[in-house]
Amino acid sequence: MCLRNGIQTRKIQSMNPISRFSLFLALATACFPSLADESMHALEKQGTLLRLSGDFISAKVIENKLIDRYTQPAGHVFALNSIITQLTWDETQTRYDGELIKHATKTLEWCEPRIDHEEVGTTANYYCGQANFILSFHHALRGNYYQAGRRGTASIDYLETALSKDPSLIDAKMHLGIGYHVADNLPPFIKMFSQVLWFIPTGNSEKSLPYLLDVIADGDQYRDVARYIYSILLLETPELRPESSIQLQQLVSLYPANSRFQLRLMSLLISMDDYEGTLSTISNYLDKGKKPAEPDLSLTRIWKARAYLGRGETELAERTFSEIDSAFRNARDELPGWSVAWYVLTDGQLHDLANRRDQARAAYNEIFSIAKYTYVNVVILDAARAGLSKPYQLHIGQ
């Protein structure tokens, strides 16, 4: 109901100030859609910054505002990206499954009928692409590979369409880059059947990491999200780990309150045998003035113990490892599997150094059990394999 006559104006003037302001917001949204879009986009950016800062509670408040205020499913898409943030930290979690399906359904109900719409077609394809991407990730984690592949293909198609409609939509390249990278690095036994299993997305190594770099350089709200994902995708390639370290160090500098960036950097430096860098990062993290909460403090002590092992300081390693809070040991099911694997490896190697071979072998075997249901760094797997062949010893010269 835009203002069209003096009667409406007089009615508004008779209202109290709070009612007038509330009505003004409603009128502004109805009469000036671009103003509503700008306000919605500002909220999205604010929420993304809160996630990057590790403030998930405040980010949830933004999510609810977006859902309550706007008919477009920006809030549901924001919720999906918040869930994927949690799953990339610990993909074994299932408590988000119901919410993920709900928000994806709400998003698709809005976007699918509008993908060819002249005014909102770009946004509709962008939203459909993100919803399908996250559904693909979800189905893959749950072992539904047919659905994962089908959703992955749809995601790439929607996002490429959005990008073709609006080449300035650089943020669309983030989900595309991940999708192309995953598809291009499928396990060989799956790729063998790619000619028959048509639902497996086609990878494109020329677009995967370069797309992420485009977002880092010229993206809007996803620049630093893309930076984090880019750093994670580089981890499995030893010669690319120094670049991954540079990106993570920048994120630590930009978002010092987000412990996840700090913890990822510690684990990366350990895998690079950079023990001095690990101890320096830990020192900076612990010197912030506020003691980290569990399990972050115990995770920090694991990598501190590993750094001491790397330097040949066995007593310091044992002492640090013994300080790990019992809550960490007793609540392992709530921890990321990749972090538990570091703990178990350290436990096994310390047993070997103390000539407790049976306990050491049990720990190494447990690592391969962990790897059956979650990601385990190749460095850990190699060390466990070596430990089963012969007892762990400190490196020569340590």
Protein backbone atom coordinates (compact mmCIF):
# COMPACT_ATOMS: atom_id res chain seq x y z
CA MET A 1 0.00 0.00 0.00
CA CYS A 2 2.26 2.79 -1.29
CA LEU A 3 1.29 6.38 -0.35
CA ARG A 4 -1.08 7.61 -3.02
CA ASN A 5 -3.29 10.20 -1.36
CA GLY A 6 -3.50 12.64 1.49
CA ILE A 7 -5.82 10.41 3.53
CA GLN A 8 -3.12 7.74 3.94
CA THR A 9 -0.58 10.43 4.82
CA ARG A 10 -2.84 11.91 7.53
CA LYS A 11 -3.47 8.42 8.98
CA ILE A 12 0.26 7.83 9.28
CA GLN A 13 0.89 11.22 10.88
CA SER A 14 -1.66 10.36 13.59
CA MET A 15 0.26 7.23 14.62
CA ASN A 16 2.77 7.12 17.49
CA PRO A 17 6.48 7.24 16.46
CA ILE A 18 7.12 3.50 16.90
CA SER A 19 4.11 2.54 14.79
CA ARG A 20 5.08 5.09 12.12
CA PHE A 21 8.61 3.62 11.91
CA SER A 22 7.33 0.04 11.66
CA LEU A 23 4.93 1.02 8.92
CA PHE A 24 7.68 2.90 7.12
CA LEU A 25 9.80 -0.28 6.98
CA ALA A 26 6.88 -2.24 5.57
CA LEU A 27 6.15 0.44 2.98
CA ALA A 28 9.79 0.73 2.01
CA THR A 29 9.99 -3.00 1.42
CA ALA A 30 6.75 -3.06 -0.59
CA CYS A 31 7.28 0.13 -2.62
CA PHE A 32 11.03 0.04 -3.11
CA PRO A 33 12.17 -3.59 -3.65
CA SER A 34 15.77 -2.53 -4.31
CA LEU A 35 15.92 -0.98 -0.85
CA ALA A 36 14.68 -4.26 0.63
CA ASP A 37 17.30 -6.18 -1.37
CA GLU A 38 20.07 -3.93 -0.08
CA SER A 39 18.92 -4.37 3.51
CA MET A 40 18.68 -8.14 3.05
CA HIS A 41 22.14 -8.28 1.49
CA ALA A 42 23.58 -6.20 4.35
CA LEU A 43 22.16 -8.69 6.86
CA GLU A 44 23.59 -11.62 4.89
CA LYS A 45 27.06 -10.03 4.89
CA GLN A 46 26.82 -9.29 8.60
CA GLY A 47 25.86 -12.90 9.30
CA THR A 48 28.70 -14.25 7.18
CA LEU A 49 31.19 -12.08 9.09
CA LEU A 50 29.79 -13.39 12.38
CA ARG A 51 30.28 -16.99 11.19
CA LEU A 52 33.83 -16.21 10.13
CA SER A 53 34.44 -14.72 13.58
CA GLY A 54 33.20 -17.93 15.19
CA ASP A 55 30.11 -16.26 16.69
CA PHE A 56 27.52 -18.84 15.64
CA ILE A 57 24.96 -17.69 18.21
CA SER A 58 24.78 -14.17 16.77
CA ALA A 59 24.81 -15.61 13.25
CA LYS A 60 21.70 -17.63 14.20
CA VAL A 61 19.96 -14.37 15.18
CA ILE A 62 20.71 -12.99 11.70
CA GLU A 63 19.38 -16.18 10.14
CA ASN A 64 16.07 -15.81 11.97
CA LYS A 65 15.76 -12.15 10.96
CA LEU A 66 16.28 -13.04 7.31
CA ILE A 67 13.64 -15.77 7.49
CA ASP A 68 11.11 -13.57 9.30
CA ARG A 69 11.54 -10.40 7.22
CA TYR A 70 11.82 -11.54 3.61
CA THR A 71 9.77 -13.66 1.26
CA GLN A 72 12.89 -14.64 -0.69
CA PRO A 73 14.56 -17.66 0.97
CA ALA A 74 17.75 -15.76 1.84
CA GLY A 75 17.39 -16.88 5.46
CA HIS A 76 17.00 -20.52 4.49
CA VAL A 77 20.06 -20.33 2.21
CA PHE A 78 21.98 -18.64 5.02
CA ALA A 79 20.92 -21.48 7.35
CA LEU A 80 22.15 -24.07 4.83
CA ASN A 81 25.56 -22.40 4.65
CA SER A 82 25.72 -22.29 8.45
CA ILE A 83 25.01 -26.02 8.58
CA ILE A 84 27.67 -26.78 5.96
CA THR A 85 30.11 -24.76 8.07
CA GLN A 86 29.46 -27.13 10.98
CA LEU A 87 29.73 -30.22 8.77
CA THR A 88 33.06 -29.17 7.27
CA TRP A 89 34.39 -29.07 10.85
CA ASP A 90 32.90 -32.44 11.76
CA GLU A 91 31.14 -34.30 8.97
CA THR A 92 30.02 -37.13 11.28
CA GLN A 93 27.39 -34.95 12.98
CA THR A 94 23.80 -35.95 12.26
CA ARG A 95 21.93 -33.50 14.50
CA TYR A 96 21.60 -31.01 11.64
CA ASP A 97 20.02 -33.45 9.17
CA GLY A 98 16.41 -32.45 9.81
CA GLU A 99 17.12 -28.72 9.65
CA LEU A 100 19.17 -29.16 6.48
CA ILE A 101 16.33 -30.93 4.66
CA LYS A 102 13.79 -28.36 5.90
CA HIS A 103 15.77 -25.32 4.74
CA ALA A 104 16.69 -26.94 1.41
CA THR A 105 13.02 -27.75 0.76
CA LYS A 106 11.93 -24.19 1.55
CA THR A 107 14.62 -22.83 -0.76
CA LEU A 108 13.74 -25.11 -3.66
CA GLU A 109 10.01 -24.42 -3.29
CA TRP A 110 10.74 -20.76 -3.95
CA CYS A 111 13.52 -20.95 -6.54
CA GLU A 112 12.51 -23.79 -8.86
CA PRO A 113 9.39 -22.08 -10.29
CA ARG A 114 11.38 -18.86 -10.86
CA ILE A 115 14.56 -20.01 -12.64
CA ASP A 116 13.39 -18.52 -15.97
CA HIS A 117 11.89 -15.37 -14.46
CA GLU A 118 13.23 -12.20 -16.08
CA GLU A 119 13.75 -10.24 -12.85
CA VAL A 120 14.65 -12.87 -10.26
CA GLY A 121 15.92 -15.70 -12.49
CA THR A 122 19.56 -15.09 -11.58
CA THR A 123 18.81 -15.16 -7.86
CA ALA A 124 16.59 -18.23 -8.26
CA ASN A 125 19.33 -20.18 -10.06
CA TYR A 126 21.88 -19.02 -7.47
CA TYR A 127 19.70 -20.21 -4.58
CA CYS A 128 18.81 -23.49 -6.33
CA GLY A 129 22.51 -24.09 -6.96
CA GLN A 130 23.44 -23.63 -3.31
CA ALA A 131 20.56 -25.78 -2.04
CA ASN A 132 21.44 -28.62 -4.42
CA PHE A 133 25.14 -28.33 -3.56
CA ILE A 134 24.46 -28.74 0.15
CA LEU A 135 22.00 -31.58 -0.48
CA SER A 136 24.68 -33.28 -2.58
CA PHE A 137 27.17 -32.97 0.29
CA HIS A 138 24.59 -34.28 2.75
CA HIS A 139 23.67 -37.32 0.63
CA ALA A 140 27.34 -38.16 0.04
CA LEU A 141 28.01 -38.15 3.80
CA ARG A 142 25.08 -40.47 4.36
CA GLY A 143 26.17 -42.88 1.60
CA ASN A 144 23.36 -41.99 -0.84
CA TYR A 145 25.71 -41.63 -3.80
CA TYR A 146 23.03 -41.64 -6.51
CA GLN A 147 21.26 -38.68 -4.89
CA ALA A 148 24.60 -37.01 -4.18
CA GLY A 149 25.59 -37.20 -7.84
CA ARG A 150 22.20 -36.07 -9.10
CA ARG A 151 22.15 -33.07 -6.77
CA GLY A 152 25.78 -32.29 -7.59
CA THR A 153 25.05 -32.14 -11.31
CA ALA A 154 21.98 -29.96 -10.71
CA SER A 155 24.02 -27.65 -8.50
CA ILE A 156 26.66 -27.08 -11.16
CA ASP A 157 24.01 -26.46 -13.82
CA TYR A 158 22.10 -23.93 -11.71
CA LEU A 159 25.21 -22.06 -10.61
CA GLU A 160 26.67 -21.88 -14.12
CA THR A 161 23.32 -20.53 -15.33
CA ALA A 162 23.32 -17.88 -12.61
CA LEU A 163 26.86 -16.90 -13.54
CA SER A 164 26.02 -16.71 -17.25
CA LYS A 165 23.05 -14.44 -16.47
CA ASP A 166 25.17 -12.20 -14.25
CA PRO A 167 28.97 -12.56 -14.69
CA SER A 168 29.49 -10.16 -11.77
CA LEU A 169 28.03 -12.77 -9.38
CA ILE A 170 31.53 -13.93 -8.43
CA ASP A 171 30.35 -15.56 -5.19
CA ALA A 172 28.62 -18.25 -7.27
CA LYS A 173 32.08 -19.50 -8.18
CA MET A 174 32.73 -20.60 -4.60
CA HIS A 175 30.23 -23.47 -4.58
CA LEU A 176 31.09 -24.17 -8.23
CA GLY A 177 34.79 -24.39 -7.44
CA ILE A 178 34.19 -26.89 -4.66
CA GLY A 179 31.82 -28.90 -6.84
CA TYR A 180 34.26 -29.12 -9.72
CA HIS A 181 37.15 -30.00 -7.40
CA VAL A 182 35.26 -32.82 -5.69
CA ALA A 183 33.99 -34.18 -8.99
CA ASP A 184 37.45 -34.01 -10.53
CA ASN A 185 39.00 -35.86 -7.59
CA LEU A 186 36.51 -38.67 -7.13
CA PRO A 187 38.08 -41.93 -6.02
CA PRO A 188 39.37 -43.89 -9.02
CA PHE A 189 37.03 -46.82 -8.38
CA ILE A 190 34.07 -44.46 -8.82
CA LYS A 191 35.53 -42.74 -11.87
CA MET A 192 35.91 -46.12 -13.55
CA PHE A 193 32.12 -46.23 -13.84
CA SER A 194 31.60 -42.59 -14.79
CA GLN A 195 30.66 -43.49 -18.37
CA VAL A 196 27.79 -45.60 -17.08
CA LEU A 197 26.83 -43.74 -13.91
CA TRP A 198 25.79 -40.59 -15.74
CA PHE A 199 24.69 -38.92 -12.50
CA ILE A 200 28.28 -38.37 -11.34
CA PRO A 201 29.15 -34.68 -11.96
CA THR A 202 31.84 -33.97 -14.51
CA GLY A 203 34.91 -32.43 -12.90
CA ASN A 204 36.83 -29.49 -14.28
CA SER A 205 40.27 -28.90 -12.78
CA GLU A 206 40.67 -25.75 -14.88
CA LYS A 207 37.77 -24.17 -13.01
CA SER A 208 37.93 -25.69 -9.51
CA LEU A 209 40.75 -23.95 -7.63
CA PRO A 210 40.87 -20.97 -10.05
CA TYR A 211 37.20 -20.31 -9.31
CA LEU A 212 37.95 -20.22 -5.59
CA LEU A 213 40.84 -17.84 -6.24
CA ASP A 214 38.46 -15.58 -8.19
CA VAL A 215 36.16 -15.40 -5.17
CA ILE A 216 39.10 -14.67 -2.84
CA ALA A 217 40.19 -11.82 -5.11
CA ASP A 218 36.88 -10.31 -6.25
CA GLY A 219 34.02 -11.94 -4.34
CA ASP A 220 31.49 -10.17 -2.17
CA GLN A 221 30.49 -11.85 1.10
CA TYR A 222 32.29 -15.16 0.49
CA ARG A 223 35.89 -13.98 0.00
CA ASP A 224 37.23 -15.35 3.25
CA VAL A 225 34.92 -18.36 3.23
CA ALA A 226 36.50 -19.26 -0.12
CA ARG A 227 39.94 -18.63 1.39
CA TYR A 228 39.27 -21.20 4.12
CA ILE A 229 37.91 -23.81 1.70
CA TYR A 230 40.82 -23.22 -0.66
CA SER A 231 43.30 -23.79 2.19
CA ILE A 232 41.54 -27.04 3.16
CA LEU A 233 41.51 -28.38 -0.41
CA LEU A 234 45.28 -27.89 -0.61
CA LEU A 235 46.00 -29.99 2.49
CA GLU A 236 46.21 -33.37 0.77
CA THR A 237 48.96 -32.24 -1.64
CA PRO A 238 52.30 -31.90 0.21
CA GLU A 239 53.80 -29.38 -2.18
CA LEU A 240 50.73 -27.12 -1.77
CA ARG A 241 50.70 -27.13 2.03
CA PRO A 242 52.91 -24.03 2.35
CA GLU A 243 50.32 -22.09 0.34
CA SER A 244 47.58 -23.52 2.56
CA SER A 245 49.54 -22.31 5.58
CA ILE A 246 49.74 -18.77 4.17
CA GLN A 247 45.97 -18.66 3.65
CA LEU A 248 45.21 -20.00 7.13
CA GLN A 249 47.64 -17.57 8.73
CA GLN A 250 45.81 -14.72 7.04
CA LEU A 251 42.48 -16.00 8.37
CA VAL A 252 43.93 -16.25 11.88
CA SER A 253 45.08 -12.64 11.56
CA LEU A 254 41.68 -11.45 10.29
CA TYR A 255 39.54 -13.48 12.71
CA PRO A 256 41.58 -14.13 15.89
CA ALA A 257 38.44 -15.06 17.87
CA ASN A 258 37.68 -18.03 15.62
CA SER A 259 39.51 -20.92 17.26
CA ARG A 260 38.82 -23.23 14.32
CA PHE A 261 41.18 -21.31 12.06
CA GLN A 262 43.89 -21.47 14.73
CA LEU A 263 43.40 -25.20 15.33
CA ARG A 264 43.45 -25.99 11.60
CA LEU A 265 46.69 -24.04 11.26
CA MET A 266 48.29 -25.97 14.14
CA SER A 267 47.38 -29.32 12.61
CA LEU A 268 48.67 -28.21 9.20
CA LEU A 269 52.01 -27.02 10.61
CA ILE A 270 52.42 -30.34 12.41
CA SER A 271 51.78 -32.24 9.17
CA MET A 272 54.51 -30.07 7.56
CA ASP A 273 56.95 -30.95 10.39
CA ASP A 274 57.11 -27.24 11.25
CA TYR A 275 57.44 -27.73 15.00
CA GLU A 276 58.71 -24.24 15.77
CA GLY A 277 55.84 -22.72 13.80
CA THR A 278 53.36 -24.96 15.65
CA LEU A 279 54.67 -23.92 19.08
CA SER A 280 54.67 -20.25 18.05
CA THR A 281 51.06 -20.49 16.84
CA ILE A 282 50.04 -22.24 20.07
CA SER A 283 51.79 -19.61 22.17
CA ASN A 284 49.99 -16.79 20.35
CA TYR A 285 46.67 -18.61 20.73
CA LEU A 286 47.08 -19.22 24.46
CA ASP A 287 48.38 -15.71 25.15
CA LYS A 288 45.11 -14.05 24.12
CA GLY A 289 44.23 -13.61 27.80
CA LYS A 290 41.21 -15.94 27.80
CA LYS A 291 41.73 -19.64 28.37
CA PRO A 292 40.25 -21.66 25.47
CA ALA A 293 37.23 -23.79 26.26
CA GLU A 294 37.17 -27.55 25.85
CA PRO A 295 37.70 -29.33 23.57
CA ASP A 296 39.81 -26.58 21.99
CA LEU A 297 42.31 -26.53 24.86
CA SER A 298 42.85 -30.29 24.65
CA LEU A 299 43.22 -30.13 20.86
CA THR A 300 45.88 -27.48 21.35
CA ARG A 301 47.72 -29.71 23.82
CA ILE A 302 47.68 -32.61 21.36
CA TRP A 303 49.55 -30.56 18.76
CA LYS A 304 51.83 -29.11 21.41
CA ALA A 305 52.75 -32.65 22.48
CA ARG A 306 53.36 -33.57 18.84
CA ALA A 307 55.61 -30.57 18.37
CA TYR A 308 57.66 -31.62 21.37
CA LEU A 309 57.88 -35.16 19.94
CA GLY A 310 59.09 -33.70 16.68
CA ARG A 311 61.83 -31.85 18.53
CA GLY A 312 62.81 -35.00 20.43
CA GLU A 313 61.62 -33.67 23.80
CA THR A 314 59.88 -36.81 25.01
CA GLU A 315 59.39 -35.77 28.63
CA LEU A 316 57.74 -32.49 27.64
CA ALA A 317 55.54 -34.38 25.17
CA GLU A 318 54.44 -36.89 27.82
CA ARG A 319 53.77 -34.16 30.37
CA THR A 320 51.73 -32.09 27.92
CA PHE A 321 49.77 -35.14 26.76
CA SER A 322 48.94 -36.09 30.35
CA GLU A 323 47.38 -32.63 30.85
CA ILE A 324 44.68 -33.29 28.29
CA ASP A 325 41.36 -32.90 30.01
CA SER A 326 39.48 -36.07 30.84
CA ALA A 327 36.44 -34.48 29.21
CA PHE A 328 38.22 -34.86 25.89
CA ARG A 329 38.79 -38.56 26.46
CA ASN A 330 35.26 -39.17 27.73
CA ALA A 331 33.39 -37.24 25.01
CA ARG A 332 35.15 -38.40 21.87
CA ASP A 333 31.92 -39.05 20.00
CA GLU A 334 31.22 -35.31 20.09
CA LEU A 335 34.61 -34.38 18.63
CA PRO A 336 35.68 -34.13 14.98
CA GLY A 337 37.02 -37.51 13.91
CA TRP A 338 40.12 -35.97 12.38
CA SER A 339 41.08 -34.50 15.78
CA VAL A 340 40.53 -37.80 17.56
CA ALA A 341 42.89 -39.46 15.07
CA TRP A 342 45.68 -37.05 16.05
CA TYR A 343 45.05 -37.88 19.71
CA VAL A 344 45.16 -41.64 19.10
CA LEU A 345 48.33 -41.40 16.98
CA THR A 346 50.10 -39.43 19.72
CA ASP A 347 48.93 -41.93 22.32
CA GLY A 348 50.28 -44.83 20.25
CA GLN A 349 53.66 -43.25 19.63
CA LEU A 350 54.12 -42.38 23.29
CA HIS A 351 53.31 -46.01 24.15
CA ASP A 352 55.98 -47.13 21.69
CA LEU A 353 58.56 -44.80 23.23
CA ALA A 354 57.71 -46.30 26.63
CA ASN A 355 58.07 -49.87 25.24
CA ARG A 356 54.35 -50.62 25.55
CA ARG A 357 54.08 -52.25 22.14
CA ASP A 358 50.66 -53.89 22.54
CA GLN A 359 49.01 -50.58 23.50
CA ALA A 360 50.80 -48.85 20.64
CA ARG A 361 49.59 -51.37 18.06
CA ALA A 362 46.04 -51.10 19.39
CA ALA A 363 46.16 -47.33 18.91
CA TYR A 364 47.48 -47.59 15.34
CA ASN A 365 44.75 -50.07 14.42
CA GLU A 366 42.14 -47.77 15.92
CA ILE A 367 43.19 -45.02 13.52
CA PHE A 368 42.21 -47.17 10.53
CA SER A 369 38.86 -47.84 12.21
CA ILE A 370 38.33 -44.08 12.56
CA ALA A 371 39.20 -43.59 8.88
CA LYS A 372 36.29 -45.81 7.87
CA TYR A 373 33.72 -43.22 8.93
CA THR A 374 35.48 -39.85 8.77
CA TYR A 375 38.33 -37.96 7.18
CA VAL A 376 41.80 -38.76 8.52
CA ASN A 377 44.85 -36.84 7.36
CA VAL A 378 47.14 -38.89 5.11
CA VAL A 379 50.05 -37.97 7.40
CA ILE A 380 48.30 -39.76 10.28
CA LEU A 381 47.51 -42.80 8.15
CA ASP A 382 51.11 -43.08 6.95
CA ALA A 383 52.41 -42.77 10.52
CA ALA A 384 49.97 -45.42 11.79
CA ARG A 385 50.94 -47.77 8.96
CA ALA A 386 54.62 -47.27 9.78
CA GLY A 387 53.90 -47.82 13.48
CA LEU A 388 52.31 -51.18 12.79
CA SER A 389 55.39 -52.26 10.82
CA LYS A 390 57.89 -51.28 13.49
CA PRO A 391 57.89 -49.37 16.79
CA TYR A 392 57.90 -45.59 16.53
CA GLN A 393 61.24 -43.93 17.27
CA LEU A 394 62.35 -40.35 17.40
CA HIS A 395 63.99 -39.16 14.22
CA ILE A 396 67.77 -39.45 13.97
CA GLY A 397 69.43 -36.30 15.21
CA GLN A 398 66.63 -35.38 17.59
